[in-house]
């Protein structure tokens, strides 16, 4: 399913960058999927620059190309989980 695909992509990114956690919210409104992803990182995470954050966004978006619905994608990064829940 589209949801499984999204969660798999997010978990792959979480492992790749050694994020502490991730929270994914998906809702369908008409023919649009609204996807919000929060990556929680710490000092062991491999993400330091704005450019790398945009690379993660590009990776996630491009790997969702199989999903035929219109996508509204918001990806956030935080070091404090309280901003993600």
PDB file of N, CA and C in Angstrom:
ATOM      1  N   UNK A   1       0.839  -1.194   0.000  1.00  0.00           N
ATOM      2  CA  UNK A   1       0.000   0.000   0.000  1.00  0.00           C
ATOM      3  C   UNK A   1       0.879   1.252   0.000  1.00  0.00           C
ATOM      4  N   UNK A   2       0.266   2.383  -0.302  1.00  0.00           N
ATOM      5  CA  UNK A   2       1.001   3.654  -0.292  1.00  0.00           C
ATOM      6  C   UNK A   2       1.589   3.928   1.085  1.00  0.00           C
ATOM      7  N   UNK A   3       0.811   3.621   2.125  1.00  0.00           N
ATOM      8  CA  UNK A   3       1.294   3.861   3.491  1.00  0.00           C
ATOM      9  C   UNK A   3       2.527   3.039   3.794  1.00  0.00           C
ATOM     10  N   UNK A   4       2.494   1.750   3.439  1.00  0.00           N
ATOM     11  CA  UNK A   4       3.645   0.876   3.678  1.00  0.00           C
ATOM     12  C   UNK A   4       4.880   1.408   2.959  1.00  0.00           C
ATOM     13  N   UNK A   5       4.669   1.865   1.744  1.00  0.00           N
ATOM     14  CA  UNK A   5       5.782   2.397   0.947  1.00  0.00           C
ATOM     15  C   UNK A   5       6.397   3.629   1.635  1.00  0.00           C
ATOM     16  N   UNK A   6       5.536   4.522   2.116  1.00  0.00           N
ATOM     17  CA  UNK A   6       6.020   5.722   2.795  1.00  0.00           C
ATOM     18  C   UNK A   6       6.805   5.350   4.050  1.00  0.00           C
ATOM     19  N   UNK A   7       6.239   4.456   4.862  1.00  0.00           N
ATOM     20  CA  UNK A   7       6.913   4.065   6.109  1.00  0.00           C
ATOM     21  C   UNK A   7       8.253   3.393   5.834  1.00  0.00           C
ATOM     22  N   UNK A   8       8.321   2.595   4.773  1.00  0.00           N
ATOM     23  CA  UNK A   8       9.589   1.933   4.414  1.00  0.00           C
ATOM     24  C   UNK A   8      10.647   2.962   4.023  1.00  0.00           C
ATOM     25  N   UNK A   9      10.273   3.934   3.222  1.00  0.00           N
ATOM     26  CA  UNK A   9      11.207   4.995   2.815  1.00  0.00           C
ATOM     27  C   UNK A   9      11.714   5.741   4.042  1.00  0.00           C
ATOM     28  N   UNK A  10      10.803   6.098   4.944  1.00  0.00           N
ATOM     29  CA  UNK A  10      11.176   6.858   6.148  1.00  0.00           C
ATOM     30  C   UNK A  10      12.122   6.041   7.022  1.00  0.00           C
ATOM     31  N   UNK A  11      11.832   4.763   7.220  1.00  0.00           N
ATOM     32  CA  UNK A  11      12.695   3.921   8.064  1.00  0.00           C
ATOM     33  C   UNK A  11      14.078   3.756   7.429  1.00  0.00           C
ATOM     34  N   UNK A  12      14.127   3.661   6.104  1.00  0.00           N
ATOM     35  CA  UNK A  12      15.421   3.569   5.410  1.00  0.00           C
ATOM     36  C   UNK A  12      16.258   4.824   5.663  1.00  0.00           C
ATOM     37  N   UNK A  13      15.633   5.993   5.587  1.00  0.00           N
ATOM     38  CA  UNK A  13      16.329   7.256   5.852  1.00  0.00           C
ATOM     39  C   UNK A  13      16.773   7.318   7.313  1.00  0.00           C
ATOM     40  N   UNK A  14      15.897   6.885   8.202  1.00  0.00           N
ATOM     41  CA  UNK A  14      16.221   6.895   9.638  1.00  0.00           C
ATOM     42  C   UNK A  14      17.493   6.077   9.909  1.00  0.00           C
ATOM     43  N   UNK A  15      17.570   4.890   9.291  1.00  0.00           N
ATOM     44  CA  UNK A  15      18.765   4.040   9.475  1.00  0.00           C
ATOM     45  C   UNK A  15      20.001   4.668   8.830  1.00  0.00           C
ATOM     46  N   UNK A  16      19.829   5.155   7.604  1.00  0.00           N
ATOM     47  CA  UNK A  16      20.944   5.721   6.832  1.00  0.00           C
ATOM     48  C   UNK A  16      21.625   6.872   7.580  1.00  0.00           C
ATOM     49  N   UNK A  17      20.825   7.733   8.198  1.00  0.00           N
ATOM     50  CA  UNK A  17      21.374   8.911   8.864  1.00  0.00           C
ATOM     51  C   UNK A  17      21.510   8.740  10.375  1.00  0.00           C
ATOM     52  N   UNK A  18      21.190   7.550  10.848  1.00  0.00           N
ATOM     53  CA  UNK A  18      21.312   7.247  12.276  1.00  0.00           C
ATOM     54  C   UNK A  18      20.471   8.207  13.134  1.00  0.00           C
ATOM     55  N   UNK A  19      19.255   8.490  12.647  1.00  0.00           N
ATOM     56  CA  UNK A  19      18.354   9.316  13.443  1.00  0.00           C
ATOM     57  C   UNK A  19      17.877   8.528  14.653  1.00  0.00           C
ATOM     58  N   UNK A  20      17.566   9.245  15.700  1.00  0.00           N
ATOM     59  CA  UNK A  20      17.084   8.609  16.927  1.00  0.00           C
ATOM     60  C   UNK A  20      15.675   8.049  16.728  1.00  0.00           C
ATOM     61  N   UNK A  21      14.867   8.752  15.945  1.00  0.00           N
ATOM     62  CA  UNK A  21      13.483   8.340  15.771  1.00  0.00           C
ATOM     63  C   UNK A  21      12.895   9.093  14.577  1.00  0.00           C
ATOM     64  N   UNK A  22      11.702   8.687  14.181  1.00  0.00           N
ATOM     65  CA  UNK A  22      10.958   9.430  13.170  1.00  0.00           C
ATOM     66  C   UNK A  22       9.475   9.263  13.447  1.00  0.00           C
ATOM     67  N   UNK A  23       8.736  10.291  13.128  1.00  0.00           N
ATOM     68  CA  UNK A  23       7.288  10.260  13.275  1.00  0.00           C
ATOM     69  C   UNK A  23       6.697  10.640  11.924  1.00  0.00           C
ATOM     70  N   UNK A  24       5.808   9.804  11.419  1.00  0.00           N
ATOM     71  CA  UNK A  24       5.200  10.024  10.113  1.00  0.00           C
ATOM     72  C   UNK A  24       3.691  10.111  10.257  1.00  0.00           C
ATOM     73  N   UNK A  25       3.135  11.156   9.701  1.00  0.00           N
ATOM     74  CA  UNK A  25       1.675  11.317   9.690  1.00  0.00           C
ATOM     75  C   UNK A  25       1.231  11.430   8.233  1.00  0.00           C
ATOM     76  N   UNK A  26       0.206  10.662   7.892  1.00  0.00           N
ATOM     77  CA  UNK A  26      -0.307  10.686   6.523  1.00  0.00           C
ATOM     78  C   UNK A  26      -1.825  10.801   6.585  1.00  0.00           C
ATOM     79  N   UNK A  27      -2.369  11.737   5.840  1.00  0.00           N
ATOM     80  CA  UNK A  27      -3.825  11.814   5.721  1.00  0.00           C
ATOM     81  C   UNK A  27      -4.186  12.047   4.260  1.00  0.00           C
ATOM     82  N   UNK A  28      -5.303  11.463   3.856  1.00  0.00           N
ATOM     83  CA  UNK A  28      -5.758  11.586   2.475  1.00  0.00           C
ATOM     84  C   UNK A  28      -6.918  12.562   2.447  1.00  0.00           C
ATOM     85  N   UNK A  29      -6.792  13.567   1.623  1.00  0.00           N
ATOM     86  CA  UNK A  29      -7.856  14.554   1.457  1.00  0.00           C
ATOM     87  C   UNK A  29      -8.168  14.615  -0.032  1.00  0.00           C
ATOM     88  N   UNK A  30      -9.289  14.048  -0.401  1.00  0.00           N
ATOM     89  CA  UNK A  30      -9.631  13.966  -1.822  1.00  0.00           C
ATOM     90  C   UNK A  30      -8.602  13.124  -2.560  1.00  0.00           C
ATOM     91  N   UNK A  31      -7.981  13.731  -3.579  1.00  0.00           N
ATOM     92  CA  UNK A  31      -6.960  13.013  -4.354  1.00  0.00           C
ATOM     93  C   UNK A  31      -5.559  13.390  -3.921  1.00  0.00           C
ATOM     94  N   UNK A  32      -5.443  13.973  -2.728  1.00  0.00           N
ATOM     95  CA  UNK A  32      -4.142  14.423  -2.240  1.00  0.00           C
ATOM     96  C   UNK A  32      -3.748  13.674  -0.972  1.00  0.00           C
ATOM     97  N   UNK A  33      -2.488  13.294  -0.903  1.00  0.00           N
ATOM     98  CA  UNK A  33      -1.928  12.728   0.320  1.00  0.00           C
ATOM     99  C   UNK A  33      -1.143  13.822   1.017  1.00  0.00           C
ATOM    100  N   UNK A  34      -1.460  14.079   2.256  1.00  0.00           N
ATOM    101  CA  UNK A  34      -0.679  15.021   3.057  1.00  0.00           C
ATOM    102  C   UNK A  34       0.244  14.202   3.936  1.00  0.00           C
ATOM    103  N   UNK A  35       1.520  14.429   3.765  1.00  0.00           N
ATOM    104  CA  UNK A  35       2.534  13.618   4.440  1.00  0.00           C
ATOM    105  C   UNK A  35       3.417  14.549   5.253  1.00  0.00           C
ATOM    106  N   UNK A  36       3.463  14.297   6.545  1.00  0.00           N
ATOM    107  CA  UNK A  36       4.355  15.067   7.411  1.00  0.00           C
ATOM    108  C   UNK A  36       5.289  14.095   8.115  1.00  0.00           C
ATOM    109  N   UNK A  37       6.580  14.364   7.988  1.00  0.00           N
ATOM    110  CA  UNK A  37       7.600  13.488   8.575  1.00  0.00           C
ATOM    111  C   UNK A  37       8.493  14.334   9.467  1.00  0.00           C
ATOM    112  N   UNK A  38       8.677  13.867  10.687  1.00  0.00           N
ATOM    113  CA  UNK A  38       9.613  14.511  11.608  1.00  0.00           C
ATOM    114  C   UNK A  38      10.743  13.529  11.889  1.00  0.00           C
ATOM    115  N   UNK A  39      11.968  13.938  11.601  1.00  0.00           N
ATOM    116  CA  UNK A  39      13.138  13.134  11.955  1.00  0.00           C
ATOM    117  C   UNK A  39      13.741  13.726  13.223  1.00  0.00           C
ATOM    118  N   UNK A  40      13.954  12.866  14.208  1.00  0.00           N
ATOM    119  CA  UNK A  40      14.558  13.296  15.471  1.00  0.00           C
ATOM    120  C   UNK A  40      16.007  12.844  15.455  1.00  0.00           C
ATOM    121  N   UNK A  41      16.912  13.807  15.615  1.00  0.00           N
ATOM    122  CA  UNK A  41      18.324  13.425  15.587  1.00  0.00           C
ATOM    123  C   UNK A  41      19.035  13.816  16.864  1.00  0.00           C
ATOM    124  N   UNK A  42      20.212  13.249  17.030  1.00  0.00           N
ATOM    125  CA  UNK A  42      21.052  13.533  18.196  1.00  0.00           C
ATOM    126  C   UNK A  42      22.502  13.650  17.723  1.00  0.00           C
ATOM    127  N   UNK A  43      23.426  13.666  18.651  1.00  0.00           N
ATOM    128  CA  UNK A  43      24.832  13.890  18.289  1.00  0.00           C
ATOM    129  C   UNK A  43      25.426  12.763  17.443  1.00  0.00           C
ATOM    130  N   UNK A  44      24.763  11.606  17.395  1.00  0.00           N
ATOM    131  CA  UNK A  44      25.275  10.493  16.580  1.00  0.00           C
ATOM    132  C   UNK A  44      24.685  10.482  15.170  1.00  0.00           C
ATOM    133  N   UNK A  45      23.732  11.350  14.928  1.00  0.00           N
ATOM    134  CA  UNK A  45      23.100  11.389  13.609  1.00  0.00           C
ATOM    135  C   UNK A  45      24.036  12.028  12.588  1.00  0.00           C
ATOM    136  N   UNK A  46      23.935  11.527  11.355  1.00  0.00           N
ATOM    137  CA  UNK A  46      24.817  12.007  10.287  1.00  0.00           C
ATOM    138  C   UNK A  46      24.101  13.048   9.442  1.00  0.00           C
ATOM    139  N   UNK A  47      23.772  14.163  10.039  1.00  0.00           N
ATOM    140  CA  UNK A  47      23.104  15.228   9.311  1.00  0.00           C
ATOM    141  C   UNK A  47      23.505  16.545   9.957  1.00  0.00           C
ATOM    142  N   UNK A  48      24.221  17.365   9.225  1.00  0.00           N
ATOM    143  CA  UNK A  48      24.746  18.591   9.812  1.00  0.00           C
ATOM    144  C   UNK A  48      24.398  19.846   9.042  1.00  0.00           C
ATOM    145  N   UNK A  49      24.175  19.709   7.748  1.00  0.00           N
ATOM    146  CA  UNK A  49      24.032  20.899   6.911  1.00  0.00           C
ATOM    147  C   UNK A  49      22.653  20.978   6.291  1.00  0.00           C
ATOM    148  N   UNK A  50      22.240  22.201   6.008  1.00  0.00           N
ATOM    149  CA  UNK A  50      20.973  22.440   5.330  1.00  0.00           C
ATOM    150  C   UNK A  50      20.897  21.665   4.019  1.00  0.00           C
ATOM    151  N   UNK A  51      22.000  21.642   3.300  1.00  0.00           N
ATOM    152  CA  UNK A  51      22.047  20.926   2.014  1.00  0.00           C
ATOM    153  C   UNK A  51      21.703  19.444   2.200  1.00  0.00           C
ATOM    154  N   UNK A  52      22.200  18.840   3.293  1.00  0.00           N
ATOM    155  CA  UNK A  52      21.899  17.428   3.555  1.00  0.00           C
ATOM    156  C   UNK A  52      20.424  17.235   3.883  1.00  0.00           C
ATOM    157  N   UNK A  53      19.825  18.205   4.560  1.00  0.00           N
ATOM    158  CA  UNK A  53      18.392  18.124   4.859  1.00  0.00           C
ATOM    159  C   UNK A  53      17.595  18.149   3.563  1.00  0.00           C
ATOM    160  N   UNK A  54      17.974  19.009   2.647  1.00  0.00           N
ATOM    161  CA  UNK A  54      17.293  19.060   1.354  1.00  0.00           C
ATOM    162  C   UNK A  54      17.527  17.779   0.556  1.00  0.00           C
ATOM    163  N   UNK A  55      18.696  17.177   0.699  1.00  0.00           N
ATOM    164  CA  UNK A  55      18.959  15.889   0.039  1.00  0.00           C
ATOM    165  C   UNK A  55      18.013  14.812   0.560  1.00  0.00           C
ATOM    166  N   UNK A  56      17.765  14.813   1.868  1.00  0.00           N
ATOM    167  CA  UNK A  56      16.819  13.857   2.451  1.00  0.00           C
ATOM    168  C   UNK A  56      15.428  14.114   1.880  1.00  0.00           C
ATOM    169  N   UNK A  57      15.030  15.356   1.818  1.00  0.00           N
ATOM    170  CA  UNK A  57      13.706  15.699   1.251  1.00  0.00           C
ATOM    171  C   UNK A  57      13.589  15.196  -0.193  1.00  0.00           C
ATOM    172  N   UNK A  58      14.624  15.446  -0.971  1.00  0.00           N
ATOM    173  CA  UNK A  58      14.625  15.017  -2.378  1.00  0.00           C
ATOM    174  C   UNK A  58      14.554  13.501  -2.483  1.00  0.00           C
ATOM    175  N   UNK A  59      15.317  12.801  -1.652  1.00  0.00           N
ATOM    176  CA  UNK A  59      15.322  11.329  -1.654  1.00  0.00           C
ATOM    177  C   UNK A  59      13.923  10.797  -1.339  1.00  0.00           C
ATOM    178  N   UNK A  60      13.327  11.324  -0.270  1.00  0.00           N
ATOM    179  CA  UNK A  60      12.003  10.855   0.141  1.00  0.00           C
ATOM    180  C   UNK A  60      10.995  11.119  -0.983  1.00  0.00           C
ATOM    181  N   UNK A  61      10.980  12.338  -1.497  1.00  0.00           N
ATOM    182  CA  UNK A  61      10.002  12.690  -2.531  1.00  0.00           C
ATOM    183  C   UNK A  61      10.184  11.842  -3.790  1.00  0.00           C
ATOM    184  N   UNK A  62      11.407  11.703  -4.247  1.00  0.00           N
ATOM    185  CA  UNK A  62      11.638  10.970  -5.495  1.00  0.00           C
ATOM    186  C   UNK A  62      11.320   9.483  -5.342  1.00  0.00           C
ATOM    187  N   UNK A  63      11.459   8.947  -4.138  1.00  0.00           N
ATOM    188  CA  UNK A  63      11.137   7.532  -3.925  1.00  0.00           C
ATOM    189  C   UNK A  63       9.642   7.289  -3.747  1.00  0.00           C
ATOM    190  N   UNK A  64       8.866   8.352  -3.712  1.00  0.00           N
ATOM    191  CA  UNK A  64       7.406   8.221  -3.652  1.00  0.00           C
ATOM    192  C   UNK A  64       6.769   8.355  -5.023  1.00  0.00           C
ATOM    193  N   UNK A  65       7.564   8.283  -6.077  1.00  0.00           N
ATOM    194  CA  UNK A  65       7.040   8.510  -7.428  1.00  0.00           C
ATOM    195  C   UNK A  65       6.011   7.457  -7.839  1.00  0.00           C
ATOM    196  N   UNK A  66       6.029   6.276  -7.217  1.00  0.00           N
ATOM    197  CA  UNK A  66       5.043   5.229  -7.520  1.00  0.00           C
ATOM    198  C   UNK A  66       3.651   5.612  -7.038  1.00  0.00           C
ATOM    199  N   UNK A  67       3.586   6.478  -6.044  1.00  0.00           N
ATOM    200  CA  UNK A  67       2.300   6.871  -5.476  1.00  0.00           C
ATOM    201  C   UNK A  67       1.648   7.879  -6.413  1.00  0.00           C
ATOM    202  N   UNK A  68       0.493   7.507  -6.931  1.00  0.00           N
ATOM    203  CA  UNK A  68      -0.127   8.292  -8.006  1.00  0.00           C
ATOM    204  C   UNK A  68      -0.907   9.504  -7.502  1.00  0.00           C
ATOM    205  N   UNK A  69      -1.241   9.542  -6.232  1.00  0.00           N
ATOM    206  CA  UNK A  69      -1.978  10.691  -5.701  1.00  0.00           C
ATOM    207  C   UNK A  69      -1.081  11.926  -5.681  1.00  0.00           C
ATOM    208  N   UNK A  70      -1.691  13.095  -5.705  1.00  0.00           N
ATOM    209  CA  UNK A  70      -0.917  14.327  -5.507  1.00  0.00           C
ATOM    210  C   UNK A  70      -0.358  14.297  -4.086  1.00  0.00           C
ATOM    211  N   UNK A  71       0.848  14.789  -3.921  1.00  0.00           N
ATOM    212  CA  UNK A  71       1.493  14.733  -2.609  1.00  0.00           C
ATOM    213  C   UNK A  71       1.834  16.125  -2.098  1.00  0.00           C
ATOM    214  N   UNK A  72       1.504  16.347  -0.859  1.00  0.00           N
ATOM    215  CA  UNK A  72       1.916  17.537  -0.125  1.00  0.00           C
ATOM    216  C   UNK A  72       2.852  17.000   0.950  1.00  0.00           C
ATOM    217  N   UNK A  73       4.122  17.348   0.848  1.00  0.00           N
ATOM    218  CA  UNK A  73       5.137  16.732   1.697  1.00  0.00           C
ATOM    219  C   UNK A  73       5.831  17.789   2.543  1.00  0.00           C
ATOM    220  N   UNK A  74       5.877  17.528   3.829  1.00  0.00           N
ATOM    221  CA  UNK A  74       6.573  18.415   4.759  1.00  0.00           C
ATOM    222  C   UNK A  74       7.501  17.560   5.610  1.00  0.00           C
ATOM    223  N   UNK A  75       8.789  17.855   5.548  1.00  0.00           N
ATOM    224  CA  UNK A  75       9.779  17.096   6.322  1.00  0.00           C
ATOM    225  C   UNK A  75      10.489  18.047   7.264  1.00  0.00           C
ATOM    226  N   UNK A  76      10.451  17.706   8.537  1.00  0.00           N
ATOM    227  CA  UNK A  76      11.070  18.521   9.579  1.00  0.00           C
ATOM    228  C   UNK A  76      12.187  17.745  10.267  1.00  0.00           C
ATOM    229  N   UNK A  77      13.100  18.489  10.835  1.00  0.00           N
ATOM    230  CA  UNK A  77      14.222  17.912  11.582  1.00  0.00           C
ATOM    231  C   UNK A  77      14.287  18.588  12.949  1.00  0.00           C
ATOM    232  N   UNK A  78      14.429  17.790  13.987  1.00  0.00           N
ATOM    233  CA  UNK A  78      14.533  18.352  15.334  1.00  0.00           C
ATOM    234  C   UNK A  78      15.440  17.496  16.201  1.00  0.00           C
ATOM    235  N   UNK A  79      16.004  18.119  17.194  1.00  0.00           N
ATOM    236  CA  UNK A  79      16.810  17.386  18.174  1.00  0.00           C
ATOM    237  C   UNK A  79      16.017  17.087  19.434  1.00  0.00           C
ATOM    238  N   UNK A  80      14.768  17.533  19.490  1.00  0.00           N
ATOM    239  CA  UNK A  80      13.941  17.331  20.666  1.00  0.00           C
ATOM    240  C   UNK A  80      12.597  16.750  20.243  1.00  0.00           C
ATOM    241  N   UNK A  81      12.351  15.526  20.682  1.00  0.00           N
ATOM    242  CA  UNK A  81      11.159  14.797  20.234  1.00  0.00           C
ATOM    243  C   UNK A  81       9.864  15.538  20.564  1.00  0.00           C
ATOM    244  N   UNK A  82       9.881  16.410  21.566  1.00  0.00           N
ATOM    245  CA  UNK A  82       8.631  17.104  21.925  1.00  0.00           C
ATOM    246  C   UNK A  82       8.095  17.937  20.762  1.00  0.00           C
ATOM    247  N   UNK A  83       8.950  18.354  19.841  1.00  0.00           N
ATOM    248  CA  UNK A  83       8.507  19.117  18.683  1.00  0.00           C
ATOM    249  C   UNK A  83       7.945  18.233  17.586  1.00  0.00           C
ATOM    250  N   UNK A  84       8.067  16.931  17.759  1.00  0.00           N
ATOM    251  CA  UNK A  84       7.623  16.001  16.720  1.00  0.00           C
ATOM    252  C   UNK A  84       6.343  15.274  17.082  1.00  0.00           C
ATOM    253  N   UNK A  85       5.924  15.356  18.336  1.00  0.00           N
ATOM    254  CA  UNK A  85       4.719  14.593  18.735  1.00  0.00           C
ATOM    255  C   UNK A  85       3.569  15.531  19.070  1.00  0.00           C
TER     256      UNK A  85
END
